[in-house]
């Protein structure tokens, strides 16, 4: 192909816009809210480069593979920037316009940006996502343009979920239940962890496919751990065989349109020892009390402090391994969470109606000690005007979750 035939920046509007779970009114609400914030901060345009903000403002969830992506929000609306390797899919998934760049020149991405950012003097970028390489390149390509952080403002906007987001998150909780039931049915002594996880993931993928007229089926998965592997919340699935009496961790993670939900439960295969039973009940008591504390006006730090006292009374606080819960929403480096809504001692954020928050207490008893293993329960709650609604609706505790008998 001769150089004069090689496209560097173009618009590949191939096909028609595909099904989105959010209305145009909802997507405009997000852009309008961010534009209002930009006006107060005297920002001319924002260049979003993270998975979560590109998806939140455009509906398009990119797959990076070493290339740069973005979404520009300005007076002309939202325009995504994508690599030609994706064809017209970014256009079909974006609520607004889309510009495609090719690999033939190293600076094609910035050529696309320059067309979209003409006249911009103050540009919002995500300080928590832009790496040093990209920052240097932006400064070189846009001399005289001031780079201003927009990540914190966008995060604060995302913490309050809309009614349409609640609908999708509720559907995610339903898919979690599908995966959870598949785990419970697959557990038996002698079955490897990965087979249980496969059964759960397959069940969720099929249920998601049946739930929408069109949906991209990606990034739905299951963590399932047994025995010593339960000591970490993010331990990978292995080929370890389940043994009778094993403590088990169920973790289902359906992903739909970039939104993540989760169900997590402690189970036992066949039976639980008296020591395990006692620790399990205590962790469930913390879980129940934690859910009672989730309501408007409650501070994240205060929730953590009160639950700490319960563990302290049982001399179990030393076995707590992370915070008590977090927000839920669009996929990000925090995996669907906003850093300002973590149920930890160092977070002073007040819960507000519309927020979606988990309760997720966990303790880990070391191998060799009585009742060894990791205990974790996890429910998702929508904060309402006067309390919270539990949308997980899945059993937990000693009367329900001894399986594989």
Protein backbone atom coordinates (compact mmCIF):
# COMPACT_ATOMS: atom_id res chain seq x y z
CA UNK A 1 0.00 0.00 0.00
CA UNK A 2 1.47 3.37 -0.99
CA UNK A 3 1.76 6.10 1.62
CA UNK A 4 -0.96 8.21 -0.01
CA UNK A 5 -3.39 5.31 0.42
CA UNK A 6 -2.61 4.80 4.11
CA UNK A 7 -5.19 6.29 6.45
CA UNK A 8 -3.89 7.77 9.68
CA UNK A 9 -7.07 9.17 11.22
CA UNK A 10 -10.59 8.46 10.00
CA UNK A 11 -14.15 7.71 11.10
CA UNK A 12 -15.12 4.08 10.60
CA UNK A 13 -18.85 4.32 11.26
CA UNK A 14 -19.46 0.73 10.26
CA UNK A 15 -22.98 -0.47 10.94
CA UNK A 16 -25.52 0.97 13.35
CA UNK A 17 -25.37 1.76 17.05
CA UNK A 18 -25.98 -1.40 19.10
CA UNK A 19 -28.13 -2.02 22.17
CA UNK A 20 -27.14 -0.13 25.32
CA UNK A 21 -28.67 -0.68 28.76
CA UNK A 22 -28.78 3.10 29.32
CA UNK A 23 -31.02 5.65 27.61
CA UNK A 24 -29.69 8.66 25.74
CA UNK A 25 -31.13 10.74 28.56
CA UNK A 26 -29.00 8.86 31.09
CA UNK A 27 -25.82 9.27 29.04
CA UNK A 28 -26.57 12.97 28.52
CA UNK A 29 -27.12 13.35 32.27
CA UNK A 30 -23.61 12.08 32.95
CA UNK A 31 -22.00 14.36 30.36
CA UNK A 32 -24.02 17.38 31.48
CA UNK A 33 -23.09 16.80 35.11
CA UNK A 34 -19.40 16.54 34.24
CA UNK A 35 -19.58 19.60 31.99
CA UNK A 36 -21.05 21.57 34.89
CA UNK A 37 -18.12 20.53 37.05
CA UNK A 38 -15.70 21.43 34.26
CA UNK A 39 -17.27 24.88 34.09
CA UNK A 40 -16.64 25.45 37.78
CA UNK A 41 -13.03 24.29 37.39
CA UNK A 42 -12.50 26.35 34.21
CA UNK A 43 -11.64 23.21 32.20
CA UNK A 44 -12.22 23.50 28.44
CA UNK A 45 -12.32 19.75 27.73
CA UNK A 46 -11.51 16.43 29.38
CA UNK A 47 -9.48 13.61 27.92
CA UNK A 48 -10.54 10.43 29.72
CA UNK A 49 -8.15 7.51 29.23
CA UNK A 50 -9.22 5.00 31.90
CA UNK A 51 -11.46 2.00 31.31
CA UNK A 52 -14.00 3.28 33.80
CA UNK A 53 -14.43 6.86 32.62
CA UNK A 54 -14.33 6.04 28.91
CA UNK A 55 -17.07 3.48 29.55
CA UNK A 56 -19.02 5.69 31.98
CA UNK A 57 -19.27 8.64 29.60
CA UNK A 58 -19.47 6.79 26.27
CA UNK A 59 -20.64 3.20 26.88
CA UNK A 60 -17.53 1.78 25.15
CA UNK A 61 -15.25 -0.57 27.13
CA UNK A 62 -11.95 -0.84 25.30
CA UNK A 63 -9.39 -3.65 25.17
CA UNK A 64 -5.97 -2.01 25.27
CA UNK A 65 -3.44 -4.48 23.85
CA UNK A 66 -0.62 -1.91 23.88
CA UNK A 67 -2.57 0.86 22.12
CA UNK A 68 -3.95 4.13 23.43
CA UNK A 69 -7.67 4.84 23.81
CA UNK A 70 -9.65 7.75 25.10
CA UNK A 71 -12.85 9.75 25.22
CA UNK A 72 -12.90 13.52 24.79
CA UNK A 73 -15.71 15.40 26.53
CA UNK A 74 -16.21 19.00 25.42
CA UNK A 75 -18.70 21.42 23.98
CA UNK A 76 -19.39 19.07 21.04
CA UNK A 77 -20.26 16.12 23.30
CA UNK A 78 -18.39 12.85 23.78
CA UNK A 79 -16.07 11.38 21.16
CA UNK A 80 -14.15 8.15 21.66
CA UNK A 81 -10.70 7.58 20.13
CA UNK A 82 -9.93 3.98 19.22
CA UNK A 83 -7.40 1.92 17.30
CA UNK A 84 -8.24 0.64 13.83
CA UNK A 85 -7.71 -2.94 14.97
CA UNK A 86 -11.17 -2.69 16.60
CA UNK A 87 -12.90 -1.85 13.32
CA UNK A 88 -16.29 -0.21 13.76
CA UNK A 89 -17.08 -1.82 17.13
CA UNK A 90 -16.11 1.28 19.16
CA UNK A 91 -18.46 3.38 17.01
CA UNK A 92 -21.29 0.93 17.52
CA UNK A 93 -20.71 0.87 21.30
CA UNK A 94 -20.12 4.62 21.79
CA UNK A 95 -23.05 6.83 22.63
CA UNK A 96 -21.47 9.73 20.72
CA UNK A 97 -18.97 10.06 17.90
CA UNK A 98 -15.86 7.92 17.36
CA UNK A 99 -12.52 8.64 15.69
CA UNK A 100 -10.27 5.81 14.53
CA UNK A 101 -6.50 5.99 14.20
CA UNK A 102 -4.11 3.51 12.57
CA UNK A 103 -0.72 2.07 13.48
CA UNK A 104 1.07 3.41 10.40
CA UNK A 105 2.51 6.40 12.25
CA UNK A 106 3.56 6.59 15.87
CA UNK A 107 1.75 9.87 16.49
CA UNK A 108 -1.62 9.05 14.89
CA UNK A 109 -3.36 8.97 18.28
CA UNK A 110 -2.24 12.54 18.94
CA UNK A 111 -3.25 13.60 15.43
CA UNK A 112 -6.77 12.50 16.32
CA UNK A 113 -6.60 14.36 19.62
CA UNK A 114 -5.41 17.60 18.04
CA UNK A 115 -8.48 17.69 15.84
CA UNK A 116 -10.73 17.19 18.86
CA UNK A 117 -8.94 19.61 21.19
CA UNK A 118 -8.57 22.70 19.00
CA UNK A 119 -8.46 25.88 21.05
CA UNK A 120 -8.27 24.08 24.41
CA UNK A 121 -6.21 25.93 27.02
CA UNK A 122 -6.97 23.88 30.14
CA UNK A 123 -7.32 20.13 29.57
CA UNK A 124 -8.64 17.73 32.18
CA UNK A 125 -6.77 14.43 32.42
CA UNK A 126 -6.89 11.62 34.96
CA UNK A 127 -3.91 12.03 37.27
CA UNK A 128 -4.55 8.59 38.77
CA UNK A 129 -4.40 6.90 35.36
CA UNK A 130 -2.12 8.87 33.03
CA UNK A 131 1.40 7.44 33.31
CA UNK A 132 4.59 9.47 32.99
CA UNK A 133 5.11 8.50 29.34
CA UNK A 134 1.68 9.74 28.29
CA UNK A 135 2.01 12.91 30.37
CA UNK A 136 5.30 13.77 28.66
CA UNK A 137 3.80 13.10 25.23
CA UNK A 138 0.75 15.26 25.98
CA UNK A 139 3.01 18.11 27.07
CA UNK A 140 5.06 17.77 23.88
CA UNK A 141 2.05 17.52 21.58
CA UNK A 142 0.06 20.30 23.29
CA UNK A 143 2.57 22.98 24.30
CA UNK A 144 0.98 25.78 26.26
CA UNK A 145 -1.99 23.66 27.32
CA UNK A 146 -2.36 23.32 31.09
CA UNK A 147 -3.08 19.78 32.29
CA UNK A 148 -5.56 19.69 35.17
CA UNK A 149 -6.76 16.71 37.21
CA UNK A 150 -10.34 15.63 36.45
CA UNK A 151 -10.18 12.14 37.94
CA UNK A 152 -11.35 13.07 41.43
CA UNK A 153 -14.31 15.08 40.16
CA UNK A 154 -15.38 12.26 37.83
CA UNK A 155 -15.02 9.71 40.63
CA UNK A 156 -17.23 11.75 42.96
CA UNK A 157 -19.82 11.97 40.19
CA UNK A 158 -19.79 8.19 39.71
CA UNK A 159 -20.36 7.42 43.40
CA UNK A 160 -24.07 8.31 43.17
CA UNK A 161 -25.69 5.76 40.87
CA UNK A 162 -28.76 6.66 38.83
CA UNK A 163 -32.02 4.71 38.73
CA UNK A 164 -30.92 3.17 35.40
CA UNK A 165 -27.61 2.10 36.91
CA UNK A 166 -29.49 0.51 39.79
CA UNK A 167 -31.51 -1.55 37.29
CA UNK A 168 -28.33 -2.92 35.68
CA UNK A 169 -26.65 -3.56 39.04
CA UNK A 170 -29.73 -5.45 40.22
CA UNK A 171 -29.49 -7.59 37.09
CA UNK A 172 -25.83 -8.19 37.99
CA UNK A 173 -26.88 -9.38 41.45
CA UNK A 174 -29.32 -11.76 39.78
CA UNK A 175 -26.50 -13.17 37.65
CA UNK A 176 -24.42 -13.58 40.82
CA UNK A 177 -27.16 -15.77 42.23
CA UNK A 178 -27.07 -17.92 39.09
CA UNK A 179 -23.34 -18.44 39.54
CA UNK A 180 -23.68 -19.03 43.27
CA UNK A 181 -26.25 -21.77 42.83
CA UNK A 182 -24.04 -23.41 40.20
CA UNK A 183 -21.14 -23.45 42.67
CA UNK A 184 -23.25 -25.05 45.38
CA UNK A 185 -24.44 -27.75 42.99
CA UNK A 186 -20.94 -28.51 41.67
CA UNK A 187 -19.15 -28.87 45.03
CA UNK A 188 -18.26 -32.42 46.05
CA UNK A 189 -15.23 -34.02 47.63
CA UNK A 190 -12.75 -34.97 44.92
CA UNK A 191 -13.87 -32.27 42.45
CA UNK A 192 -11.08 -29.79 41.53
CA UNK A 193 -11.55 -26.08 42.18
CA UNK A 194 -11.37 -25.18 38.50
CA UNK A 195 -14.28 -27.44 37.57
CA UNK A 196 -16.50 -25.71 40.13
CA UNK A 197 -15.42 -22.32 38.78
CA UNK A 198 -16.08 -23.37 35.18
CA UNK A 199 -19.60 -24.54 36.04
CA UNK A 200 -20.35 -21.21 37.70
CA UNK A 201 -18.91 -19.02 34.95
CA UNK A 202 -20.65 -20.96 32.19
CA UNK A 203 -23.99 -20.65 33.97
CA UNK A 204 -23.59 -16.88 34.34
CA UNK A 205 -22.46 -16.31 30.75
CA UNK A 206 -25.47 -18.21 29.42
CA UNK A 207 -27.85 -16.33 31.73
CA UNK A 208 -26.39 -12.96 30.71
CA UNK A 209 -26.72 -13.90 27.02
CA UNK A 210 -30.41 -14.69 27.59
CA UNK A 211 -31.07 -11.42 29.45
CA UNK A 212 -30.42 -8.80 26.74
CA UNK A 213 -31.16 -8.44 23.01
CA UNK A 214 -27.44 -7.76 22.50
CA UNK A 215 -24.57 -7.96 24.97
CA UNK A 216 -20.82 -8.42 24.75
CA UNK A 217 -19.88 -11.54 26.72
CA UNK A 218 -16.52 -10.85 28.31
CA UNK A 219 -14.84 -10.66 31.70
CA UNK A 220 -17.42 -12.75 33.59
CA UNK A 221 -15.60 -15.16 35.84
CA UNK A 222 -15.52 -17.06 39.14
CA UNK A 223 -13.02 -17.42 41.93
CA UNK A 224 -13.48 -20.59 43.94
CA UNK A 225 -11.03 -21.56 46.64
CA UNK A 226 -10.80 -24.47 49.08
CA UNK A 227 -8.82 -25.22 52.21
CA UNK A 228 -5.66 -23.15 52.61
CA UNK A 229 -6.42 -21.35 49.34
CA UNK A 230 -9.23 -19.47 51.11
CA UNK A 231 -6.74 -17.37 53.11
CA UNK A 232 -6.72 -14.56 50.52
CA UNK A 233 -9.72 -12.85 48.97
CA UNK A 234 -8.03 -12.66 45.56
CA UNK A 235 -6.31 -16.03 45.43
CA UNK A 236 -6.53 -17.62 41.97
CA UNK A 237 -8.45 -20.75 41.09
CA UNK A 238 -6.24 -23.86 41.13
CA UNK A 239 -6.60 -27.56 40.31
CA UNK A 240 -6.59 -28.50 44.01
CA UNK A 241 -9.11 -31.24 44.82
CA UNK A 242 -11.83 -30.40 47.32
CA UNK A 243 -11.65 -32.52 50.46
CA UNK A 244 -14.43 -33.48 52.84
CA UNK A 245 -14.59 -30.89 55.65
CA UNK A 246 -12.80 -28.22 53.58
CA UNK A 247 -13.65 -24.58 54.13
CA UNK A 248 -14.60 -23.03 50.77
CA UNK A 249 -14.89 -19.53 49.30
CA UNK A 250 -17.46 -18.76 46.61
CA UNK A 251 -16.82 -15.63 44.52
CA UNK A 252 -18.91 -14.91 41.40
CA UNK A 253 -18.18 -11.89 39.18
CA UNK A 254 -20.56 -11.26 36.29
CA UNK A 255 -19.70 -8.33 34.01
CA UNK A 256 -22.31 -6.57 31.87
CA UNK A 257 -21.74 -3.45 29.80
CA UNK A 258 -18.68 -2.64 31.89
CA UNK A 259 -20.49 -2.94 35.23
CA UNK A 260 -19.22 -5.38 37.84
CA UNK A 261 -21.11 -7.10 40.66
CA UNK A 262 -20.08 -9.81 43.11
CA UNK A 263 -21.38 -12.51 45.41
CA UNK A 264 -19.03 -14.00 48.00
CA UNK A 265 -19.81 -16.69 50.55
CA UNK A 266 -18.14 -19.03 53.00
CA UNK A 267 -19.14 -22.69 52.49
CA UNK A 268 -18.00 -26.06 53.78
CA UNK A 269 -17.85 -29.37 51.98
CA UNK A 270 -19.81 -32.01 53.86
CA UNK A 271 -19.31 -30.75 57.39
CA UNK A 272 -17.71 -28.07 59.54
CA UNK A 273 -15.75 -28.69 62.75
CA UNK A 274 -16.91 -27.06 65.98
CA UNK A 275 -14.04 -24.55 65.79
CA UNK A 276 -14.89 -23.66 62.21
CA UNK A 277 -18.56 -23.41 63.08
CA UNK A 278 -17.86 -20.95 65.92
CA UNK A 279 -15.65 -18.67 63.82
CA UNK A 280 -18.07 -18.80 60.93
CA UNK A 281 -20.97 -17.71 63.13
CA UNK A 282 -18.95 -14.82 64.55
CA UNK A 283 -17.99 -13.55 61.12
CA UNK A 284 -21.63 -13.80 60.02
CA UNK A 285 -22.61 -11.73 63.08
CA UNK A 286 -20.19 -9.01 61.97
CA UNK A 287 -21.69 -9.21 58.48
CA UNK A 288 -25.24 -8.78 59.79
CA UNK A 289 -24.29 -5.84 62.02
CA UNK A 290 -22.34 -4.25 59.19
CA UNK A 291 -25.35 -4.32 56.90
CA UNK A 292 -27.43 -2.66 59.64
CA UNK A 293 -24.93 0.20 59.77
CA UNK A 294 -25.18 1.03 56.06
CA UNK A 295 -27.55 4.00 55.82
CA UNK A 296 -27.50 7.66 54.76
CA UNK A 297 -25.21 9.81 56.89
CA UNK A 298 -23.06 6.93 58.13
CA UNK A 299 -19.35 7.59 57.73
CA UNK A 300 -17.22 4.87 56.19
CA UNK A 301 -14.66 5.21 59.00
CA UNK A 302 -17.32 4.91 61.71
CA UNK A 303 -18.70 1.70 60.21
CA UNK A 304 -15.21 0.19 60.25
CA UNK A 305 -14.57 1.35 63.83
CA UNK A 306 -17.76 -0.25 65.21
CA UNK A 307 -17.15 -3.56 63.45
CA UNK A 308 -13.56 -3.56 64.70
CA UNK A 309 -14.93 -3.63 68.25
CA UNK A 310 -16.87 -6.81 67.55
CA UNK A 311 -13.74 -8.58 66.32
CA UNK A 312 -11.71 -7.15 69.19
CA UNK A 313 -14.09 -8.59 71.80
CA UNK A 314 -13.46 -12.05 70.34
CA UNK A 315 -9.70 -11.45 69.96
CA UNK A 316 -10.13 -11.80 66.20
CA UNK A 317 -9.19 -8.31 65.03
CA UNK A 318 -5.62 -9.44 64.34
CA UNK A 319 -7.03 -11.82 61.72
CA UNK A 320 -8.92 -9.15 59.75
CA UNK A 321 -7.18 -8.69 56.38
CA UNK A 322 -8.83 -5.72 54.55
CA UNK A 323 -11.67 -3.17 54.65
CA UNK A 324 -15.29 -3.99 55.33
CA UNK A 325 -16.70 -3.13 51.91
CA UNK A 326 -16.69 -0.77 48.97
CA UNK A 327 -18.79 0.90 46.30
CA UNK A 328 -19.93 -0.80 43.11
CA UNK A 329 -20.16 0.45 39.56
CA UNK A 330 -18.25 0.57 36.30
CA UNK A 331 -15.07 -1.47 35.81
CA UNK A 332 -11.88 0.34 36.87
CA UNK A 333 -8.41 -0.26 38.28
CA UNK A 334 -10.20 -0.61 41.63
CA UNK A 335 -12.44 -3.19 39.97
CA UNK A 336 -15.72 -1.36 39.79
CA UNK A 337 -15.15 0.75 42.88
CA UNK A 338 -14.61 4.38 43.77
CA UNK A 339 -11.71 4.96 46.15
CA UNK A 340 -13.68 7.54 48.13
CA UNK A 341 -16.28 4.96 49.23
CA UNK A 342 -14.22 2.29 50.97
CA UNK A 343 -15.37 1.07 54.39
CA UNK A 344 -12.03 1.68 56.08
CA UNK A 345 -10.74 3.66 59.02
CA UNK A 346 -9.09 6.30 56.81
CA UNK A 347 -12.17 7.16 54.70
CA UNK A 348 -14.43 9.93 56.05
CA UNK A 349 -17.00 9.84 53.23
CA UNK A 350 -20.65 9.92 54.30
CA UNK A 351 -22.98 7.45 52.63
CA UNK A 352 -25.69 9.06 50.50
CA UNK A 353 -28.87 7.83 48.81
CA UNK A 354 -28.09 6.28 45.44
CA UNK A 355 -24.71 4.90 46.45
CA UNK A 356 -24.20 1.16 46.01
CA UNK A 357 -22.04 -0.37 48.72
CA UNK A 358 -20.97 -3.86 49.76
CA UNK A 359 -20.58 -5.32 53.22
CA UNK A 360 -17.66 -7.74 53.15
CA UNK A 361 -16.09 -8.72 56.48
CA UNK A 362 -13.25 -11.26 56.36
CA UNK A 363 -10.95 -12.93 58.84
CA UNK A 364 -8.15 -15.38 58.08
CA UNK A 365 -7.09 -17.99 60.65
CA UNK A 366 -3.57 -19.31 59.85
CA UNK A 367 -2.94 -22.91 58.85
CA UNK A 368 -2.30 -25.10 61.86
CA UNK A 369 -4.57 -23.09 64.16
CA UNK A 370 -7.98 -24.34 65.22
CA UNK A 371 -10.59 -23.37 62.63
CA UNK A 372 -7.98 -22.45 60.01
CA UNK A 373 -9.09 -20.78 56.78
CA UNK A 374 -10.61 -17.63 55.36
CA UNK A 375 -14.15 -16.57 56.26
CA UNK A 376 -15.87 -13.97 54.09
CA UNK A 377 -19.45 -12.95 53.36
CA UNK A 378 -20.39 -10.30 50.81
CA UNK A 379 -23.70 -8.58 50.03
CA UNK A 380 -24.49 -5.54 47.85
CA UNK A 381 -26.78 -2.83 49.22
CA UNK A 382 -28.32 0.25 47.60
CA UNK A 383 -28.42 3.20 50.00
CA UNK A 384 -31.96 4.58 50.15
CA UNK A 385 -33.42 7.74 51.68
CA UNK A 386 -33.85 6.10 55.08
CA UNK A 387 -31.71 2.94 55.08
CA UNK A 388 -30.41 0.40 52.60
CA UNK A 389 -31.84 -2.32 50.37
CA UNK A 390 -30.01 -5.62 50.13
CA UNK A 391 -30.12 -6.70 46.47
CA UNK A 392 -27.95 -9.82 46.87
CA UNK A 393 -30.73 -12.01 48.27
CA UNK A 394 -28.63 -15.13 48.67
CA UNK A 395 -28.40 -17.34 51.77
CA UNK A 396 -25.38 -17.33 54.03
CA UNK A 397 -24.30 -18.95 57.26
CA UNK A 398 -24.12 -22.27 58.98
CA UNK A 399 -27.68 -23.40 58.25
CA UNK A 400 -27.47 -22.93 54.51
CA UNK A 401 -23.96 -23.28 53.20
CA UNK A 402 -22.72 -26.76 54.12
CA UNK A 403 -22.85 -28.38 50.70
CA UNK A 404 -21.69 -31.42 48.75
CA UNK A 405 -23.01 -33.97 51.22
